[in-house]
């Protein structure tokens, strides 16, 4: 999907600035992270369907999961934490879900909030349009799962002894979160695979799901510029290994 920019000149300027910064410091957004194989189990939507088949229809997908820090603060210092999930679909077109540490309440789910612990609430910040409706997606802490800890190293260690899980949920602007699935985080990928991985939360979407709002346009230009500087494309990287 292409989000219509305010002007092509402004879009080019944002993309070039993002590319220039990426050439100096590598991955522009969430540079410090760890990537893993994973799985997404969709249970289906409780109550009224969302209108998106990916969320409403029970299914099981292989996934690549990345945990990250927005600005690589040391160790367990507070930061805007990130969770990126790539669903590997049979049609070869991935779905990239990027969520950031935030609050679960309606007034907070639009705001990225610094946090220490990787176990917690992550929301899409930007909303999605499904037909005439707008929805938000979130990854919520699973009370029955092992915790992810307060650092990337702790999160990686958790995957070596267990399979951390998070709950995928959907909500309207003011409604409660409705659980629709479960994200499982498995074996860690090596540093080279992590470096090659590139996400696009605007373009890599199923046909019935669209991003909405000005933040979507800004993310599209920023991610495009960062990928260009790294020599990556919108579907670069990601493990398709079978999870266990």
C-alpha atoms as a PDB file:
ATOM      1  CA  UNK A   1       0.000   0.000   0.000  1.00  0.00           C
ATOM      2  CA  UNK A   2       1.213   3.529  -0.780  1.00  0.00           C
ATOM      3  CA  UNK A   3       0.160   6.317   1.567  1.00  0.00           C
ATOM      4  CA  UNK A   4      -0.447   9.586  -0.287  1.00  0.00           C
ATOM      5  CA  UNK A   5       2.131  12.116   0.971  1.00  0.00           C
ATOM      6  CA  UNK A   6       1.460  15.844   1.532  1.00  0.00           C
ATOM      7  CA  UNK A   7       3.844  16.507  -1.390  1.00  0.00           C
ATOM      8  CA  UNK A   8       6.360  14.501  -3.370  1.00  0.00           C
ATOM      9  CA  UNK A   9       9.077  17.072  -2.551  1.00  0.00           C
ATOM     10  CA  UNK A  10       8.562  16.672   1.183  1.00  0.00           C
ATOM     11  CA  UNK A  11       8.477  12.874   0.851  1.00  0.00           C
ATOM     12  CA  UNK A  12      11.779  12.903  -1.002  1.00  0.00           C
ATOM     13  CA  UNK A  13      13.334  15.183   1.624  1.00  0.00           C
ATOM     14  CA  UNK A  14      12.283  12.911   4.512  1.00  0.00           C
ATOM     15  CA  UNK A  15      13.496   9.788   2.688  1.00  0.00           C
ATOM     16  CA  UNK A  16      16.873  11.357   1.879  1.00  0.00           C
ATOM     17  CA  UNK A  17      17.351  12.564   5.452  1.00  0.00           C
ATOM     18  CA  UNK A  18      16.545   9.094   6.777  1.00  0.00           C
ATOM     19  CA  UNK A  19      18.978   7.514   4.335  1.00  0.00           C
ATOM     20  CA  UNK A  20      21.748   9.941   5.315  1.00  0.00           C
ATOM     21  CA  UNK A  21      21.303   9.203   9.014  1.00  0.00           C
ATOM     22  CA  UNK A  22      21.200   5.460   8.353  1.00  0.00           C
ATOM     23  CA  UNK A  23      24.485   5.575   6.438  1.00  0.00           C
ATOM     24  CA  UNK A  24      26.108   7.131   9.521  1.00  0.00           C
ATOM     25  CA  UNK A  25      24.613   4.906  12.225  1.00  0.00           C
ATOM     26  CA  UNK A  26      23.203   1.814  10.476  1.00  0.00           C
ATOM     27  CA  UNK A  27      19.577   0.899  11.171  1.00  0.00           C
ATOM     28  CA  UNK A  28      17.852   4.233  11.830  1.00  0.00           C
ATOM     29  CA  UNK A  29      14.853   3.035  13.825  1.00  0.00           C
ATOM     30  CA  UNK A  30      15.309   0.712  16.797  1.00  0.00           C
ATOM     31  CA  UNK A  31      18.952  -0.079  15.975  1.00  0.00           C
ATOM     32  CA  UNK A  32      19.649  -2.275  19.025  1.00  0.00           C
ATOM     33  CA  UNK A  33      17.682  -5.515  18.904  1.00  0.00           C
ATOM     34  CA  UNK A  34      17.564  -9.297  18.886  1.00  0.00           C
ATOM     35  CA  UNK A  35      15.648 -11.390  16.343  1.00  0.00           C
ATOM     36  CA  UNK A  36      14.046 -14.795  16.790  1.00  0.00           C
ATOM     37  CA  UNK A  37      12.056 -17.449  15.008  1.00  0.00           C
ATOM     38  CA  UNK A  38       8.471 -17.516  16.189  1.00  0.00           C
ATOM     39  CA  UNK A  39       4.887 -18.425  15.583  1.00  0.00           C
ATOM     40  CA  UNK A  40       1.582 -16.583  15.552  1.00  0.00           C
ATOM     41  CA  UNK A  41      -1.545 -18.516  16.399  1.00  0.00           C
ATOM     42  CA  UNK A  42      -4.767 -16.714  15.471  1.00  0.00           C
ATOM     43  CA  UNK A  43      -7.711 -17.861  17.562  1.00  0.00           C
ATOM     44  CA  UNK A  44     -10.261 -15.664  15.802  1.00  0.00           C
ATOM     45  CA  UNK A  45     -12.039 -12.544  16.987  1.00  0.00           C
ATOM     46  CA  UNK A  46     -14.351 -12.872  20.005  1.00  0.00           C
ATOM     47  CA  UNK A  47     -17.594 -11.014  19.471  1.00  0.00           C
ATOM     48  CA  UNK A  48     -18.198  -8.983  16.291  1.00  0.00           C
ATOM     49  CA  UNK A  49     -15.622  -9.670  13.542  1.00  0.00           C
ATOM     50  CA  UNK A  50     -13.172  -6.925  12.626  1.00  0.00           C
ATOM     51  CA  UNK A  51     -13.655  -7.430   8.892  1.00  0.00           C
ATOM     52  CA  UNK A  52     -10.040  -8.503   8.360  1.00  0.00           C
ATOM     53  CA  UNK A  53      -9.666 -12.169   7.487  1.00  0.00           C
ATOM     54  CA  UNK A  54      -6.199 -12.297   9.016  1.00  0.00           C
ATOM     55  CA  UNK A  55      -7.624 -11.397  12.443  1.00  0.00           C
ATOM     56  CA  UNK A  56     -11.015 -13.091  12.207  1.00  0.00           C
ATOM     57  CA  UNK A  57     -10.091 -16.506  10.772  1.00  0.00           C
ATOM     58  CA  UNK A  58      -8.276 -19.059  12.977  1.00  0.00           C
ATOM     59  CA  UNK A  59      -4.863 -19.910  11.519  1.00  0.00           C
ATOM     60  CA  UNK A  60      -1.251 -20.659  12.383  1.00  0.00           C
ATOM     61  CA  UNK A  61       1.670 -18.763  10.851  1.00  0.00           C
ATOM     62  CA  UNK A  62       5.444 -19.056  10.965  1.00  0.00           C
ATOM     63  CA  UNK A  63       6.888 -15.760  12.139  1.00  0.00           C
ATOM     64  CA  UNK A  64      10.044 -13.764  12.672  1.00  0.00           C
ATOM     65  CA  UNK A  65      10.064 -11.709  15.875  1.00  0.00           C
ATOM     66  CA  UNK A  66      12.378  -8.827  16.786  1.00  0.00           C
ATOM     67  CA  UNK A  67      12.682  -7.167  20.212  1.00  0.00           C
ATOM     68  CA  UNK A  68      14.434  -3.806  20.248  1.00  0.00           C
ATOM     69  CA  UNK A  69      15.204  -0.540  21.985  1.00  0.00           C
ATOM     70  CA  UNK A  70      14.246   2.705  20.266  1.00  0.00           C
ATOM     71  CA  UNK A  71      17.460   4.567  21.120  1.00  0.00           C
ATOM     72  CA  UNK A  72      20.052   2.098  22.400  1.00  0.00           C
ATOM     73  CA  UNK A  73      20.193   3.142  26.035  1.00  0.00           C
ATOM     74  CA  UNK A  74      22.531   1.011  28.174  1.00  0.00           C
ATOM     75  CA  UNK A  75      21.357  -2.268  29.684  1.00  0.00           C
ATOM     76  CA  UNK A  76      18.035  -1.935  31.489  1.00  0.00           C
ATOM     77  CA  UNK A  77      17.694   1.847  31.251  1.00  0.00           C
ATOM     78  CA  UNK A  78      14.175   3.007  30.277  1.00  0.00           C
ATOM     79  CA  UNK A  79      13.572   3.286  26.541  1.00  0.00           C
ATOM     80  CA  UNK A  80      10.751   3.067  24.026  1.00  0.00           C
ATOM     81  CA  UNK A  81      10.798  -0.680  23.468  1.00  0.00           C
ATOM     82  CA  UNK A  82       9.768  -2.279  20.200  1.00  0.00           C
ATOM     83  CA  UNK A  83       8.282  -5.580  19.119  1.00  0.00           C
ATOM     84  CA  UNK A  84       8.200  -6.400  15.410  1.00  0.00           C
ATOM     85  CA  UNK A  85       6.461  -9.504  14.062  1.00  0.00           C
ATOM     86  CA  UNK A  86       6.646 -10.702  10.464  1.00  0.00           C
ATOM     87  CA  UNK A  87       4.027 -13.274   9.474  1.00  0.00           C
ATOM     88  CA  UNK A  88       5.206 -15.551   6.690  1.00  0.00           C
ATOM     89  CA  UNK A  89       2.087 -16.192   4.640  1.00  0.00           C
ATOM     90  CA  UNK A  90       1.710 -18.918   2.028  1.00  0.00           C
ATOM     91  CA  UNK A  91       1.127 -16.381  -0.758  1.00  0.00           C
ATOM     92  CA  UNK A  92       4.645 -15.012  -0.265  1.00  0.00           C
ATOM     93  CA  UNK A  93       3.424 -11.584   0.891  1.00  0.00           C
ATOM     94  CA  UNK A  94       4.381 -10.994   4.543  1.00  0.00           C
ATOM     95  CA  UNK A  95       2.429  -9.057   7.121  1.00  0.00           C
ATOM     96  CA  UNK A  96       4.639  -6.809   9.261  1.00  0.00           C
ATOM     97  CA  UNK A  97       3.271  -5.739  12.634  1.00  0.00           C
ATOM     98  CA  UNK A  98       5.337  -3.164  14.530  1.00  0.00           C
ATOM     99  CA  UNK A  99       4.245  -2.198  18.036  1.00  0.00           C
ATOM    100  CA  UNK A 100       5.895   0.016  20.665  1.00  0.00           C
ATOM    101  CA  UNK A 101       5.792   0.109  24.458  1.00  0.00           C
ATOM    102  CA  UNK A 102       2.689   2.036  25.381  1.00  0.00           C
ATOM    103  CA  UNK A 103      -0.295   2.078  27.704  1.00  0.00           C
ATOM    104  CA  UNK A 104      -3.362  -0.135  27.492  1.00  0.00           C
ATOM    105  CA  UNK A 105      -5.891   2.600  28.338  1.00  0.00           C
ATOM    106  CA  UNK A 106      -7.622   4.421  25.460  1.00  0.00           C
ATOM    107  CA  UNK A 107      -5.831   7.731  26.079  1.00  0.00           C
ATOM    108  CA  UNK A 108      -2.421   6.050  26.239  1.00  0.00           C
ATOM    109  CA  UNK A 109      -2.549   3.548  23.377  1.00  0.00           C
ATOM    110  CA  UNK A 110      -1.624   6.301  20.888  1.00  0.00           C
ATOM    111  CA  UNK A 111       1.548   7.243  22.775  1.00  0.00           C
ATOM    112  CA  UNK A 112       4.948   5.513  22.826  1.00  0.00           C
ATOM    113  CA  UNK A 113       6.035   5.305  26.477  1.00  0.00           C
ATOM    114  CA  UNK A 114       9.518   4.491  27.823  1.00  0.00           C
ATOM    115  CA  UNK A 115       9.716   1.334  29.910  1.00  0.00           C
ATOM    116  CA  UNK A 116      12.354  -0.911  31.489  1.00  0.00           C
ATOM    117  CA  UNK A 117      10.743  -4.341  31.216  1.00  0.00           C
ATOM    118  CA  UNK A 118      10.231  -6.053  27.850  1.00  0.00           C
ATOM    119  CA  UNK A 119       7.190  -7.775  29.354  1.00  0.00           C
ATOM    120  CA  UNK A 120       4.284  -5.352  29.059  1.00  0.00           C
ATOM    121  CA  UNK A 121       1.877  -3.609  26.693  1.00  0.00           C
ATOM    122  CA  UNK A 122       2.900  -2.774  23.125  1.00  0.00           C
ATOM    123  CA  UNK A 123       0.500  -1.027  20.746  1.00  0.00           C
ATOM    124  CA  UNK A 124       0.532  -0.143  17.067  1.00  0.00           C
ATOM    125  CA  UNK A 125       0.370   3.597  17.976  1.00  0.00           C
ATOM    126  CA  UNK A 126      -1.023   4.283  14.500  1.00  0.00           C
ATOM    127  CA  UNK A 127      -4.438   2.851  13.728  1.00  0.00           C
ATOM    128  CA  UNK A 128      -5.580   0.592  10.898  1.00  0.00           C
ATOM    129  CA  UNK A 129      -8.635   1.027   8.715  1.00  0.00           C
ATOM    130  CA  UNK A 130     -10.827  -2.006   7.997  1.00  0.00           C
ATOM    131  CA  UNK A 131     -13.611  -0.819   5.726  1.00  0.00           C
ATOM    132  CA  UNK A 132     -15.195   2.181   7.519  1.00  0.00           C
ATOM    133  CA  UNK A 133     -13.815   1.189  10.948  1.00  0.00           C
ATOM    134  CA  UNK A 134     -10.541   2.046  12.645  1.00  0.00           C
ATOM    135  CA  UNK A 135      -8.800  -0.444  14.893  1.00  0.00           C
ATOM    136  CA  UNK A 136      -5.618  -0.652  16.956  1.00  0.00           C
ATOM    137  CA  UNK A 137      -3.495  -3.762  17.454  1.00  0.00           C
ATOM    138  CA  UNK A 138      -1.493  -4.667  20.537  1.00  0.00           C
ATOM    139  CA  UNK A 139       0.779  -7.306  22.008  1.00  0.00           C
ATOM    140  CA  UNK A 140      -0.105  -7.746  25.666  1.00  0.00           C
ATOM    141  CA  UNK A 141       1.712  -9.572  28.449  1.00  0.00           C
ATOM    142  CA  UNK A 142       0.611 -13.186  28.870  1.00  0.00           C
ATOM    143  CA  UNK A 143       0.229 -13.810  32.635  1.00  0.00           C
ATOM    144  CA  UNK A 144       1.005 -17.506  32.115  1.00  0.00           C
ATOM    145  CA  UNK A 145       4.251 -16.904  30.219  1.00  0.00           C
ATOM    146  CA  UNK A 146       7.832 -16.572  31.387  1.00  0.00           C
ATOM    147  CA  UNK A 147       8.917 -12.922  31.525  1.00  0.00           C
ATOM    148  CA  UNK A 148      11.270 -11.297  28.997  1.00  0.00           C
ATOM    149  CA  UNK A 149      13.319  -9.363  31.546  1.00  0.00           C
ATOM    150  CA  UNK A 150      14.778  -5.862  31.532  1.00  0.00           C
ATOM    151  CA  UNK A 151      17.402  -6.138  28.798  1.00  0.00           C
ATOM    152  CA  UNK A 152      17.878  -7.633  25.355  1.00  0.00           C
ATOM    153  CA  UNK A 153      20.289 -10.144  26.866  1.00  0.00           C
ATOM    154  CA  UNK A 154      17.689 -11.206  29.427  1.00  0.00           C
ATOM    155  CA  UNK A 155      15.067 -11.600  26.705  1.00  0.00           C
ATOM    156  CA  UNK A 156      17.420 -13.779  24.659  1.00  0.00           C
ATOM    157  CA  UNK A 157      18.219 -15.864  27.749  1.00  0.00           C
ATOM    158  CA  UNK A 158      14.499 -16.448  28.332  1.00  0.00           C
ATOM    159  CA  UNK A 159      14.164 -18.046  24.893  1.00  0.00           C
ATOM    160  CA  UNK A 160      16.976 -20.495  25.635  1.00  0.00           C
ATOM    161  CA  UNK A 161      15.109 -22.079  28.544  1.00  0.00           C
ATOM    162  CA  UNK A 162      11.454 -21.501  27.620  1.00  0.00           C
ATOM    163  CA  UNK A 163       9.146 -20.109  24.931  1.00  0.00           C
ATOM    164  CA  UNK A 164       7.958 -16.620  25.928  1.00  0.00           C
ATOM    165  CA  UNK A 165       4.485 -15.719  24.722  1.00  0.00           C
ATOM    166  CA  UNK A 166       2.458 -12.561  24.215  1.00  0.00           C
ATOM    167  CA  UNK A 167      -1.231 -12.066  23.468  1.00  0.00           C
ATOM    168  CA  UNK A 168      -2.253 -10.390  20.208  1.00  0.00           C
ATOM    169  CA  UNK A 169      -5.287  -8.143  20.760  1.00  0.00           C
ATOM    170  CA  UNK A 170      -7.471  -5.711  18.850  1.00  0.00           C
ATOM    171  CA  UNK A 171      -9.480  -2.684  20.026  1.00  0.00           C
ATOM    172  CA  UNK A 172     -11.350   0.362  18.799  1.00  0.00           C
ATOM    173  CA  UNK A 173     -10.237   3.844  19.811  1.00  0.00           C
ATOM    174  CA  UNK A 174     -11.989   3.636  23.184  1.00  0.00           C
ATOM    175  CA  UNK A 175     -13.022  -0.011  23.492  1.00  0.00           C
ATOM    176  CA  UNK A 176     -11.418  -2.787  25.560  1.00  0.00           C
ATOM    177  CA  UNK A 177      -8.708  -5.030  24.128  1.00  0.00           C
ATOM    178  CA  UNK A 178     -10.058  -8.260  22.654  1.00  0.00           C
ATOM    179  CA  UNK A 179      -7.573 -11.172  22.479  1.00  0.00           C
ATOM    180  CA  UNK A 180      -7.348 -12.670  18.972  1.00  0.00           C
ATOM    181  CA  UNK A 181      -4.150 -14.739  19.093  1.00  0.00           C
ATOM    182  CA  UNK A 182      -0.834 -15.634  20.641  1.00  0.00           C
ATOM    183  CA  UNK A 183       2.736 -14.721  19.644  1.00  0.00           C
ATOM    184  CA  UNK A 184       5.402 -17.281  20.587  1.00  0.00           C
ATOM    185  CA  UNK A 185       9.100 -16.365  20.613  1.00  0.00           C
ATOM    186  CA  UNK A 186      11.513 -19.212  19.898  1.00  0.00           C
ATOM    187  CA  UNK A 187      15.182 -19.600  18.890  1.00  0.00           C
ATOM    188  CA  UNK A 188      17.389 -16.529  18.513  1.00  0.00           C
ATOM    189  CA  UNK A 189      18.734 -15.679  15.060  1.00  0.00           C
ATOM    190  CA  UNK A 190      22.377 -14.712  14.648  1.00  0.00           C
ATOM    191  CA  UNK A 191      23.602 -11.118  14.387  1.00  0.00           C
ATOM    192  CA  UNK A 192      23.969 -11.285  10.608  1.00  0.00           C
ATOM    193  CA  UNK A 193      20.343 -12.386  10.186  1.00  0.00           C
ATOM    194  CA  UNK A 194      19.196  -9.621  12.536  1.00  0.00           C
ATOM    195  CA  UNK A 195      21.135  -7.004  10.555  1.00  0.00           C
ATOM    196  CA  UNK A 196      19.600  -8.177   7.253  1.00  0.00           C
ATOM    197  CA  UNK A 197      16.025  -8.025   8.530  1.00  0.00           C
ATOM    198  CA  UNK A 198      13.957  -5.066   7.285  1.00  0.00           C
ATOM    199  CA  UNK A 199      10.301  -4.371   8.073  1.00  0.00           C
ATOM    200  CA  UNK A 200       7.685  -2.190   6.399  1.00  0.00           C
ATOM    201  CA  UNK A 201       4.544  -1.679   8.544  1.00  0.00           C
ATOM    202  CA  UNK A 202       2.872   0.373   5.802  1.00  0.00           C
ATOM    203  CA  UNK A 203       3.386  -1.728   2.660  1.00  0.00           C
ATOM    204  CA  UNK A 204       3.445  -5.255   4.091  1.00  0.00           C
ATOM    205  CA  UNK A 205      -0.237  -5.579   4.920  1.00  0.00           C
ATOM    206  CA  UNK A 206      -3.081  -7.862   3.805  1.00  0.00           C
ATOM    207  CA  UNK A 207      -5.462  -6.305   1.249  1.00  0.00           C
ATOM    208  CA  UNK A 208      -8.269  -5.725   3.772  1.00  0.00           C
ATOM    209  CA  UNK A 209      -6.098  -3.843   6.278  1.00  0.00           C
ATOM    210  CA  UNK A 210      -4.888  -0.273   5.699  1.00  0.00           C
ATOM    211  CA  UNK A 211      -2.889   2.120   7.830  1.00  0.00           C
ATOM    212  CA  UNK A 212      -4.488   5.469   8.628  1.00  0.00           C
ATOM    213  CA  UNK A 213      -3.315   8.877   9.801  1.00  0.00           C
ATOM    214  CA  UNK A 214      -0.309  11.150   9.177  1.00  0.00           C
ATOM    215  CA  UNK A 215       2.044   8.923  11.190  1.00  0.00           C
ATOM    216  CA  UNK A 216       1.674   6.241   8.518  1.00  0.00           C
ATOM    217  CA  UNK A 217       3.027   8.579   5.835  1.00  0.00           C
ATOM    218  CA  UNK A 218       6.001   9.577   7.993  1.00  0.00           C
ATOM    219  CA  UNK A 219       6.817   5.954   8.790  1.00  0.00           C
ATOM    220  CA  UNK A 220       6.668   5.005   5.121  1.00  0.00           C
ATOM    221  CA  UNK A 221       9.243   7.632   4.114  1.00  0.00           C
ATOM    222  CA  UNK A 222      11.498   6.975   7.120  1.00  0.00           C
ATOM    223  CA  UNK A 223      11.580   3.211   6.703  1.00  0.00           C
ATOM    224  CA  UNK A 224      12.140   3.545   2.952  1.00  0.00           C
ATOM    225  CA  UNK A 225      15.130   5.826   3.473  1.00  0.00           C
ATOM    226  CA  UNK A 226      16.626   3.597   6.148  1.00  0.00           C
ATOM    227  CA  UNK A 227      16.290   0.498   3.930  1.00  0.00           C
ATOM    228  CA  UNK A 228      17.813   2.284   0.942  1.00  0.00           C
ATOM    229  CA  UNK A 229      20.918   3.209   2.935  1.00  0.00           C
ATOM    230  CA  UNK A 230      21.272  -0.385   4.164  1.00  0.00           C
ATOM    231  CA  UNK A 231      20.736  -1.920   0.730  1.00  0.00           C
ATOM    232  CA  UNK A 232      17.618  -3.733   1.947  1.00  0.00           C
ATOM    233  CA  UNK A 233      14.097  -3.965   0.569  1.00  0.00           C
ATOM    234  CA  UNK A 234      10.678  -4.124   2.212  1.00  0.00           C
ATOM    235  CA  UNK A 235      10.796  -7.906   2.508  1.00  0.00           C
ATOM    236  CA  UNK A 236      14.456  -8.456   3.379  1.00  0.00           C
ATOM    237  CA  UNK A 237      15.378 -11.124   5.879  1.00  0.00           C
ATOM    238  CA  UNK A 238      13.223 -13.118   8.204  1.00  0.00           C
ATOM    239  CA  UNK A 239      13.522 -16.780   9.085  1.00  0.00           C
ATOM    240  CA  UNK A 240      11.038 -19.203   7.565  1.00  0.00           C
ATOM    241  CA  UNK A 241      12.296 -22.062   9.700  1.00  0.00           C
ATOM    242  CA  UNK A 242       9.717 -24.319  11.301  1.00  0.00           C
ATOM    243  CA  UNK A 243       9.321 -23.487  14.963  1.00  0.00           C
ATOM    244  CA  UNK A 244       9.345 -26.085  17.667  1.00  0.00           C
END
